Protein backbone atom coordinates (compact mmCIF):
# COMPACT_ATOMS: atom_id res chain seq x y z
CA UNK A 1 72.25 12.67 9.57
CA UNK A 2 74.68 9.76 9.35
CA UNK A 3 71.91 7.50 8.05
CA UNK A 4 71.05 10.02 5.32
CA UNK A 5 74.69 10.13 4.14
CA UNK A 6 74.88 6.34 4.10
CA UNK A 7 71.82 6.22 1.81
CA UNK A 8 73.26 8.81 -0.60
CA UNK A 9 73.54 7.27 -4.06
CA UNK A 10 74.14 8.23 -7.69
CA UNK A 11 70.66 9.69 -8.08
CA UNK A 12 71.29 12.02 -5.12
CA UNK A 13 74.59 13.07 -6.73
CA UNK A 14 72.76 13.95 -9.94
CA UNK A 15 70.25 16.04 -7.99
CA UNK A 16 73.07 17.91 -6.23
CA UNK A 17 74.76 18.60 -9.58
CA UNK A 18 71.44 19.83 -11.04
CA UNK A 19 70.85 22.16 -8.08
CA UNK A 20 74.41 23.51 -8.27
CA UNK A 21 74.11 24.14 -11.99
CA UNK A 22 70.80 25.97 -11.49
CA UNK A 23 72.52 28.21 -8.96
CA UNK A 24 75.29 29.05 -11.43
CA UNK A 25 72.73 29.84 -14.13
CA UNK A 26 70.82 32.26 -11.91
CA UNK A 27 73.07 33.29 -8.99
CA UNK A 28 70.85 36.22 -8.03
CA UNK A 29 67.71 34.11 -7.85
CA UNK A 30 64.54 36.18 -7.53
CA UNK A 31 66.58 39.39 -7.37
CA UNK A 32 66.84 39.25 -11.17
CA UNK A 33 63.10 39.78 -11.53
CA UNK A 34 63.22 42.59 -9.00
CA UNK A 35 65.83 44.46 -11.03
CA UNK A 36 64.08 43.90 -14.37
CA UNK A 37 60.50 44.48 -13.21
CA UNK A 38 59.92 45.32 -9.52
CA UNK A 39 56.15 44.93 -9.99
CA UNK A 40 56.61 41.16 -10.46
CA UNK A 41 58.01 40.74 -6.96
CA UNK A 42 55.33 39.71 -4.51
CA UNK A 43 55.21 41.85 -1.39
CA UNK A 44 54.30 40.59 2.05
CA UNK A 45 50.86 41.74 3.18
CA UNK A 46 49.39 40.17 6.36
CA UNK A 47 45.86 40.82 5.09
CA UNK A 48 46.44 38.29 2.29
CA UNK A 49 46.31 35.55 4.92
CA UNK A 50 43.21 36.76 6.72
CA UNK A 51 39.55 36.35 5.92
CA UNK A 52 36.50 37.80 7.55
CA UNK A 53 34.17 34.96 8.55
CA UNK A 54 30.60 34.69 7.34
CA UNK A 55 27.95 33.36 9.70
CA UNK A 56 24.98 31.06 9.19
CA UNK A 57 22.51 31.36 12.04
CA UNK A 58 20.63 28.24 10.90
CA UNK A 59 23.21 26.07 12.66
CA UNK A 60 23.68 28.27 15.73
CA UNK A 61 22.40 26.58 18.89
CA UNK A 62 21.82 29.92 20.58
CA UNK A 63 19.73 31.18 17.65
CA UNK A 64 17.75 27.94 17.42
CA UNK A 65 17.08 27.99 21.16
CA UNK A 66 15.56 31.47 20.96
CA UNK A 67 12.60 30.03 19.05
CA UNK A 68 12.15 27.05 21.39
CA UNK A 69 12.74 28.31 24.92
CA UNK A 70 12.91 31.58 26.82
CA UNK A 71 15.54 34.10 25.78
CA UNK A 72 17.27 33.70 29.13
CA UNK A 73 17.71 29.97 28.56
CA UNK A 74 18.73 30.60 24.94
CA UNK A 75 21.42 33.07 25.98
CA UNK A 76 22.84 30.50 28.40
CA UNK A 77 22.80 27.80 25.73
CA UNK A 78 26.15 28.74 24.15
CA UNK A 79 28.52 31.70 24.19
CA UNK A 80 31.76 30.16 22.91
CA UNK A 81 32.19 32.55 19.99
CA UNK A 82 31.37 35.58 22.13
CA UNK A 83 33.85 34.50 24.79
CA UNK A 84 36.76 33.87 22.42
CA UNK A 85 36.43 36.94 20.20
CA UNK A 86 39.25 39.27 21.36
CA UNK A 87 37.50 42.47 20.24
CA UNK A 88 33.82 41.63 20.90
CA UNK A 89 33.05 41.81 17.19
CA UNK A 90 30.24 39.23 17.28
CA UNK A 91 26.65 40.14 18.09
CA UNK A 92 23.86 37.57 18.50
CA UNK A 93 20.31 38.82 18.78
CA UNK A 94 17.60 36.16 18.88
CA UNK A 95 17.86 34.38 15.50
CA UNK A 96 20.50 36.58 13.89
CA UNK A 97 24.30 36.76 14.06
CA UNK A 98 26.32 39.77 13.02
CA UNK A 99 30.08 40.05 12.58
CA UNK A 100 31.06 43.69 13.08
CA UNK A 101 33.56 45.71 11.07
CA UNK A 102 35.90 45.65 14.08
CA UNK A 103 36.59 41.96 13.40
CA UNK A 104 40.34 41.20 13.52
CA UNK A 105 39.85 38.23 11.16
CA UNK A 106 41.77 35.99 13.55
CA UNK A 107 39.59 32.97 12.75
CA UNK A 108 39.16 31.88 16.37
CA UNK A 109 35.36 31.81 16.04
CA UNK A 110 35.66 29.23 13.23
CA UNK A 111 37.67 27.01 15.56
CA UNK A 112 35.56 27.22 18.67
CA UNK A 113 32.06 26.88 17.22
CA UNK A 114 31.05 23.20 17.46
CA UNK A 115 28.37 23.48 14.76
CA UNK A 116 30.65 25.44 12.37
CA UNK A 117 28.40 28.48 12.14
CA UNK A 118 31.29 30.70 11.08
CA UNK A 119 32.82 30.08 7.68
CA UNK A 120 36.11 31.46 6.36
CA UNK A 121 36.78 29.36 3.29
CA UNK A 122 40.59 29.36 3.47
CA UNK A 123 40.56 28.62 7.19
CA UNK A 124 38.20 25.66 7.28
CA UNK A 125 39.38 22.28 8.55
CA UNK A 126 39.37 20.58 5.15
CA UNK A 127 41.47 23.29 3.46
CA UNK A 128 43.91 23.58 6.36
CA UNK A 129 44.42 19.81 6.50
CA UNK A 130 45.30 19.64 2.81
CA UNK A 131 47.67 22.60 3.05
CA UNK A 132 49.56 21.32 6.08
CA UNK A 133 49.77 17.75 4.75
CA UNK A 134 51.23 18.99 1.45
CA UNK A 135 53.96 20.83 3.33
CA UNK A 136 54.62 18.01 5.81
CA UNK A 137 54.80 15.37 3.07
CA UNK A 138 57.30 17.27 0.94
CA UNK A 139 59.63 18.65 3.63
CA UNK A 140 61.63 17.40 6.56
CA UNK A 141 59.77 19.86 8.78
CA UNK A 142 56.47 21.73 8.45
CA UNK A 143 55.87 24.91 10.45
CA UNK A 144 52.52 26.39 11.39
CA UNK A 145 52.87 30.04 12.32
CA UNK A 146 51.07 33.39 12.37
CA UNK A 147 51.43 36.65 10.48
CA UNK A 148 52.89 38.48 13.48
CA UNK A 149 55.50 35.81 14.15
CA UNK A 150 56.74 35.42 10.57
CA UNK A 151 56.48 38.94 9.22
CA UNK A 152 57.46 37.91 5.68
CA UNK A 153 56.35 35.79 2.76
CA UNK A 154 56.16 32.15 3.86
CA UNK A 155 58.37 29.45 2.38
CA UNK A 156 56.86 26.29 0.93
CA UNK A 157 56.91 24.45 4.27
CA UNK A 158 55.51 27.34 6.30
CA UNK A 159 51.75 27.51 6.77
CA UNK A 160 50.90 31.10 7.58
CA UNK A 161 47.70 31.81 9.52
CA UNK A 162 46.18 34.90 11.13
CA UNK A 163 46.42 33.05 14.46
CA UNK A 164 47.71 29.58 15.34
CA UNK A 165 44.78 29.26 17.73
CA UNK A 166 42.32 28.85 14.87
CA UNK A 167 43.37 25.21 14.31
CA UNK A 168 40.92 22.99 16.22
CA UNK A 169 41.92 19.98 18.30
CA UNK A 170 40.32 17.65 15.77
CA UNK A 171 42.67 18.86 13.06
CA UNK A 172 45.76 18.75 15.28
CA UNK A 173 44.81 15.21 16.26
CA UNK A 174 44.48 14.08 12.65
CA UNK A 175 47.78 15.69 11.70
CA UNK A 176 50.12 14.58 14.47
CA UNK A 177 48.75 11.04 14.58
CA UNK A 178 50.16 10.56 11.07
CA UNK A 179 52.96 13.15 10.82
CA UNK A 180 55.78 13.60 13.33
CA UNK A 181 57.32 16.61 11.57
CA UNK A 182 54.64 19.24 12.25
CA UNK A 183 55.76 22.10 14.49
CA UNK A 184 54.58 25.51 15.63
CA UNK A 185 56.91 28.44 15.05
CA UNK A 186 56.30 31.25 17.55
CA UNK A 187 59.16 33.39 18.93
CA UNK A 188 59.17 33.83 22.69
CA UNK A 189 56.85 36.58 23.86
CA UNK A 190 55.25 37.08 20.45
CA UNK A 191 51.73 36.48 21.81
CA UNK A 192 52.26 39.02 24.59
CA UNK A 193 52.37 41.80 22.00
CA UNK A 194 49.35 40.59 20.02
CA UNK A 195 45.89 42.11 20.25
CA UNK A 196 44.36 38.69 19.63
CA UNK A 197 44.54 38.16 23.38
CA UNK A 198 42.64 34.88 23.42
CA UNK A 199 44.79 33.18 20.78
CA UNK A 200 47.57 31.88 23.00
CA UNK A 201 45.23 30.10 25.41
CA UNK A 202 43.26 28.73 22.45
CA UNK A 203 46.20 27.04 20.70
CA UNK A 204 47.64 25.78 23.99
CA UNK A 205 44.33 24.13 24.89
CA UNK A 206 43.65 22.66 21.44
CA UNK A 207 47.15 21.22 21.06
CA UNK A 208 47.10 19.80 24.59
CA UNK A 209 43.86 17.90 23.95
CA UNK A 210 45.09 16.64 20.57
CA UNK A 211 48.33 15.38 22.10
CA UNK A 212 46.37 13.56 24.80
CA UNK A 213 44.17 11.89 22.19
CA UNK A 214 46.99 10.88 19.86
CA UNK A 215 49.84 10.32 22.33
CA UNK A 216 51.96 12.26 19.83
CA UNK A 217 53.33 15.77 20.11
CA UNK A 218 53.52 19.03 18.19
CA UNK A 219 57.01 20.46 17.89
CA UNK A 220 57.83 24.03 18.92
CA UNK A 221 60.43 26.31 17.37
CA UNK A 222 61.14 29.78 18.76
CA UNK A 223 64.26 30.72 16.76
CA UNK A 224 63.82 31.57 13.08
CA UNK A 225 67.45 30.73 12.45
CA UNK A 226 66.75 27.12 13.41
CA UNK A 227 63.94 26.59 10.89
CA UNK A 228 64.58 23.70 8.51
CA UNK A 229 63.31 24.22 4.95
CA UNK A 230 64.87 21.14 3.35
CA UNK A 231 62.66 18.97 1.19
CA UNK A 232 62.50 15.29 2.02
CA UNK A 233 64.84 12.98 0.13
CA UNK A 234 61.91 11.03 -1.34
CA UNK A 235 60.25 14.22 -2.58
CA UNK A 236 63.42 15.55 -4.27
CA UNK A 237 64.12 12.19 -5.92
CA UNK A 238 60.55 11.96 -7.18
CA UNK A 239 60.68 15.47 -8.61
CA UNK A 240 63.99 14.78 -10.33
CA UNK A 241 62.72 11.56 -11.89
CA UNK A 242 59.67 13.37 -13.18
CA UNK A 243 61.85 16.04 -14.76
CA UNK A 244 63.85 13.32 -16.49
CA UNK A 245 60.67 11.67 -17.71
CA UNK A 246 59.39 14.93 -19.15
CA UNK A 247 62.77 15.43 -20.81
CA UNK A 248 62.43 12.07 -22.52
CA UNK A 249 64.87 10.12 -20.35
CA UNK A 250 62.69 7.03 -20.31
CA UNK A 251 65.60 4.76 -19.49
CA UNK A 252 66.23 6.45 -16.16
CA UNK A 253 62.61 6.45 -15.03
CA UNK A 254 62.12 2.83 -16.03
CA UNK A 255 64.89 1.85 -13.64
CA UNK A 256 63.06 3.51 -10.74
CA UNK A 257 59.29 3.95 -11.19
CA UNK A 258 58.98 6.28 -8.21
CA UNK A 259 56.16 8.79 -8.44
CA UNK A 260 57.11 12.40 -8.85
CA UNK A 261 57.25 14.22 -5.52
CA UNK A 262 54.46 16.69 -6.20
CA UNK A 263 52.30 14.04 -7.83
CA UNK A 264 52.80 11.70 -4.87
CA UNK A 265 51.79 14.42 -2.42
CA UNK A 266 48.73 15.35 -4.50
CA UNK A 267 47.75 11.69 -4.66
CA UNK A 268 48.07 11.39 -0.88
CA UNK A 269 45.74 14.35 -0.37
CA UNK A 270 43.25 13.00 -2.91
CA UNK A 271 43.33 9.53 -1.37
CA UNK A 272 42.52 11.07 2.02
CA UNK A 273 39.58 12.98 0.55
CA UNK A 274 38.31 9.80 -1.11
CA UNK A 275 38.67 7.90 2.15
CA UNK A 276 36.61 10.54 4.01
CA UNK A 277 33.92 10.33 1.35
CA UNK A 278 33.75 6.53 1.61
CA UNK A 279 33.72 6.78 5.39
CA UNK A 280 30.75 9.14 5.33
CA UNK A 281 28.93 6.88 2.89
CA UNK A 282 29.57 3.90 5.19
CA UNK A 283 28.30 5.90 8.17
CA UNK A 284 25.10 6.89 6.36
CA UNK A 285 24.54 3.30 5.25
CA UNK A 286 25.04 2.06 8.81
CA UNK A 287 22.86 4.52 10.76
CA UNK A 288 20.93 6.37 8.06
CA UNK A 289 21.49 9.82 6.63
CA UNK A 290 18.18 11.04 8.05
CA UNK A 291 16.28 10.73 11.31
CA UNK A 292 12.86 9.07 11.54
CA UNK A 293 11.41 12.58 11.24
CA UNK A 294 13.25 12.96 7.90
CA UNK A 295 15.72 15.49 9.26
CA UNK A 296 19.02 15.33 7.40
CA UNK A 297 21.93 14.46 9.65
CA UNK A 298 24.95 16.72 9.27
CA UNK A 299 28.57 15.63 9.65
CA UNK A 300 30.74 18.63 10.43
CA UNK A 301 34.20 18.99 8.90
CA UNK A 302 35.86 18.64 12.29
CA UNK A 303 34.00 15.44 13.13
CA UNK A 304 34.56 14.03 9.64
CA UNK A 305 38.31 14.57 10.05
CA UNK A 306 38.34 12.74 13.39
CA UNK A 307 36.25 9.83 12.13
CA UNK A 308 38.52 9.47 9.12
CA UNK A 309 41.57 9.22 11.35
CA UNK A 310 39.90 6.74 13.72
CA UNK A 311 38.83 4.55 10.82
CA UNK A 312 42.49 4.00 9.97
CA UNK A 313 43.67 3.96 13.60
CA UNK A 314 40.78 2.54 15.68
CA UNK A 315 42.99 2.03 18.74
CA UNK A 316 43.21 5.81 19.19
CA UNK A 317 39.48 6.00 19.93
CA UNK A 318 40.07 4.58 23.40
CA UNK A 319 42.01 7.72 24.38
CA UNK A 320 39.15 10.07 23.54
CA UNK A 321 36.71 11.09 26.25
CA UNK A 322 33.68 12.61 24.58
CA UNK A 323 30.27 13.06 26.17
CA UNK A 324 26.87 12.57 24.55
CA UNK A 325 23.36 13.16 25.95
CA UNK A 326 21.60 10.41 27.89
CA UNK A 327 17.89 10.48 28.73
CA UNK A 328 16.08 9.72 31.99
CA UNK A 329 12.83 8.30 30.61
CA UNK A 330 11.01 8.86 33.91
CA UNK A 331 11.37 12.62 33.40
CA UNK A 332 10.92 12.83 29.62
CA UNK A 333 7.55 14.19 28.43
CA UNK A 334 8.32 13.68 24.71
CA UNK A 335 8.08 17.41 24.02
CA UNK A 336 10.66 16.96 21.23
CA UNK A 337 12.52 20.19 22.07
CA UNK A 338 15.81 18.30 22.25
CA UNK A 339 15.64 16.89 18.73
CA UNK A 340 14.53 20.21 17.24
CA UNK A 341 17.38 21.89 19.08
CA UNK A 342 20.18 19.66 17.75
CA UNK A 343 22.07 21.60 15.04
CA UNK A 344 23.29 18.41 13.32
CA UNK A 345 20.18 16.25 13.92
CA UNK A 346 22.12 13.63 15.85
CA UNK A 347 19.31 13.15 18.40
CA UNK A 348 16.16 11.16 17.83
CA UNK A 349 12.97 10.54 19.82
CA UNK A 350 10.68 7.80 18.53
CA UNK A 351 6.94 7.40 19.03
CA UNK A 352 7.48 5.15 22.06
CA UNK A 353 9.49 7.84 23.82
CA UNK A 354 12.85 6.18 23.25
CA UNK A 355 15.61 8.79 23.02
CA UNK A 356 18.78 7.95 21.08
CA UNK A 357 21.80 9.76 19.75
CA UNK A 358 24.17 8.86 16.94
CA UNK A 359 27.57 9.31 18.58
CA UNK A 360 29.43 9.72 15.30
CA UNK A 361 27.32 12.75 14.36
CA UNK A 362 26.98 14.30 17.84
CA UNK A 363 29.20 17.38 18.27
CA UNK A 364 29.06 17.18 22.08
CA UNK A 365 27.70 20.73 22.42
CA UNK A 366 25.17 19.81 25.18
CA UNK A 367 22.62 22.24 23.72
CA UNK A 368 19.87 19.62 24.02
CA UNK A 369 20.67 19.20 27.72
CA UNK A 370 20.43 22.94 28.39
CA UNK A 371 17.06 23.42 26.71
CA UNK A 372 15.28 20.35 28.11
CA UNK A 373 12.45 21.79 30.25
CA UNK A 374 12.29 18.68 32.44
CA UNK A 375 16.05 18.24 32.99
CA UNK A 376 15.67 14.76 31.55
CA UNK A 377 18.98 14.85 29.70
CA UNK A 378 22.50 14.65 31.08
CA UNK A 379 25.87 14.38 29.36
CA UNK A 380 27.66 11.05 29.84
CA UNK A 381 30.91 9.67 28.44
CA UNK A 382 30.24 7.70 25.30
CA UNK A 383 31.62 4.35 24.21
CA UNK A 384 34.65 5.34 22.09
CA UNK A 385 34.14 2.34 19.79
CA UNK A 386 31.02 4.08 18.48
CA UNK A 387 33.30 6.64 16.85
CA UNK A 388 34.95 3.99 14.66
CA UNK A 389 33.21 3.62 11.31
CA UNK A 390 33.91 0.28 9.66
CA UNK A 391 35.69 0.53 6.31
CA UNK A 392 33.92 -2.27 4.45
CA UNK A 393 35.96 -1.70 1.30
CA UNK A 394 39.23 -2.06 3.21
CA UNK A 395 37.85 -5.14 4.97
CA UNK A 396 36.90 -6.65 1.58
CA UNK A 397 40.39 -6.03 0.19
CA UNK A 398 41.91 -7.56 3.31
CA UNK A 399 39.72 -10.66 3.00
CA UNK A 400 40.62 -11.04 -0.67
CA UNK A 401 44.33 -10.69 0.12
CA UNK A 402 44.00 -13.27 2.89
CA UNK A 403 42.15 -15.66 0.60
CA UNK A 404 44.76 -15.20 -2.10
CA UNK A 405 47.52 -15.89 0.43
CA UNK A 406 45.72 -19.01 1.63
CA UNK A 407 45.36 -20.24 -1.96
CA UNK A 408 49.05 -19.59 -2.55
CA UNK A 409 49.99 -21.53 0.61
CA UNK A 410 47.69 -24.36 -0.43
CA UNK A 411 49.19 -24.45 -3.92
CA UNK A 412 52.70 -24.43 -2.47
CA UNK A 413 51.80 -27.23 -0.07
CA UNK A 414 50.30 -29.26 -2.90
CA UNK A 415 53.39 -28.58 -5.01
CA UNK A 416 55.66 -29.83 -2.25
CA UNK A 417 53.48 -32.95 -1.88
CA UNK A 418 53.64 -33.65 -5.61
CA UNK A 419 57.39 -33.06 -5.60
CA UNK A 420 57.88 -35.50 -2.72
CA UNK A 421 55.81 -38.11 -4.53
CA UNK A 422 57.93 -37.64 -7.65
CA UNK A 423 61.14 -37.95 -5.64
CA UNK A 424 59.86 -41.13 -3.95
CA UNK A 425 59.02 -42.57 -7.35
CA UNK A 426 62.52 -41.78 -8.62
CA UNK A 427 64.07 -43.42 -5.56
CA UNK A 428 61.99 -46.57 -6.09
CA UNK A 429 62.94 -46.63 -9.75
CA UNK A 430 66.60 -46.28 -8.83
CA UNK A 431 66.28 -49.15 -6.36
CA UNK A 432 64.64 -51.37 -9.01
CA UNK A 433 67.42 -50.76 -11.53
CA UNK A 434 70.01 -51.83 -9.00
């Protein structure tokens, strides 16, 4: 706090005056609207933050296996969603998936499914990343919490979910590797009273893995009175400057061309989306978007998020321990069940019987291993460097910057040489005149 006071300047004083004046203008705040028109006041409803997931059996490994192997083997292929559902609201019968009306809309199935069979639009990795980053970028602290824990309308830096356990490890990893102000708010004992009985173990496991990968940590707050809702200094200054610009105070903004807070946050989110797009394009250019059998490879949202983070922080890949299938060619009969089984088409078997897997696409589900009739496949730890997708555009910009720096050094060196020659000539001229 001492550092923040030392940095306090005239612009911060102006912001404080503006905030104080706004308080005098409307001392009752939102209560004014409640008195004038109660219908305008938004009421807290936990169901507003929940969404019943839709399922797509096309990507379900258990459903795909039912058409390739015996039903007994198919049933053993994967049961993650069935195991995590706290009310047994998911039914899988051969090639169909059904979400029952008893669904609690906790979102845990969206987190645990490696092939992202279950879709709840507001709870998907891409949407959650953007929402949490917006809050973390604009505030000193960002809190991820659940409807039972908060019990009220969330503030701008509170991300309210049906269950904290629905955030996958890939998303936690991408968040805490870049942001050190993301915390979970859950009062002590709150999970003990929740009917989503599998949620506590889920978030504890996912956060633990993410912290191991990133060597960073997620904060924990259990006391609502200790929650910090202050905006960051940079965000408040940016917002104030933008207000002045809109008011026509061009002189003030020209002295400090800082981006407006909200605009800066929006740009950060957009830049991240653009980076993920370029990363996927680079990946497709490097390994091909389709297999030799013309099957389209699929990059899940979770894997895309991880690859995007590793592209910017390649050193973190060494901390990840992911397993991919490896083939014993002496057992393989080239039946092709493994490649047809893969929900993201990461596996490939060529005409010569050579089995390969694209590590960046592989979701590590081991479904191919379970359905192989000859037990020719086993899961082995992959080379983490295979998860790092080269950013050729960034490399090009770096090369250009390096070349420009070298030209500048060369010009400076040549300038110094010319200057020394001129000085020597002046000295000789001075000696001659004497």
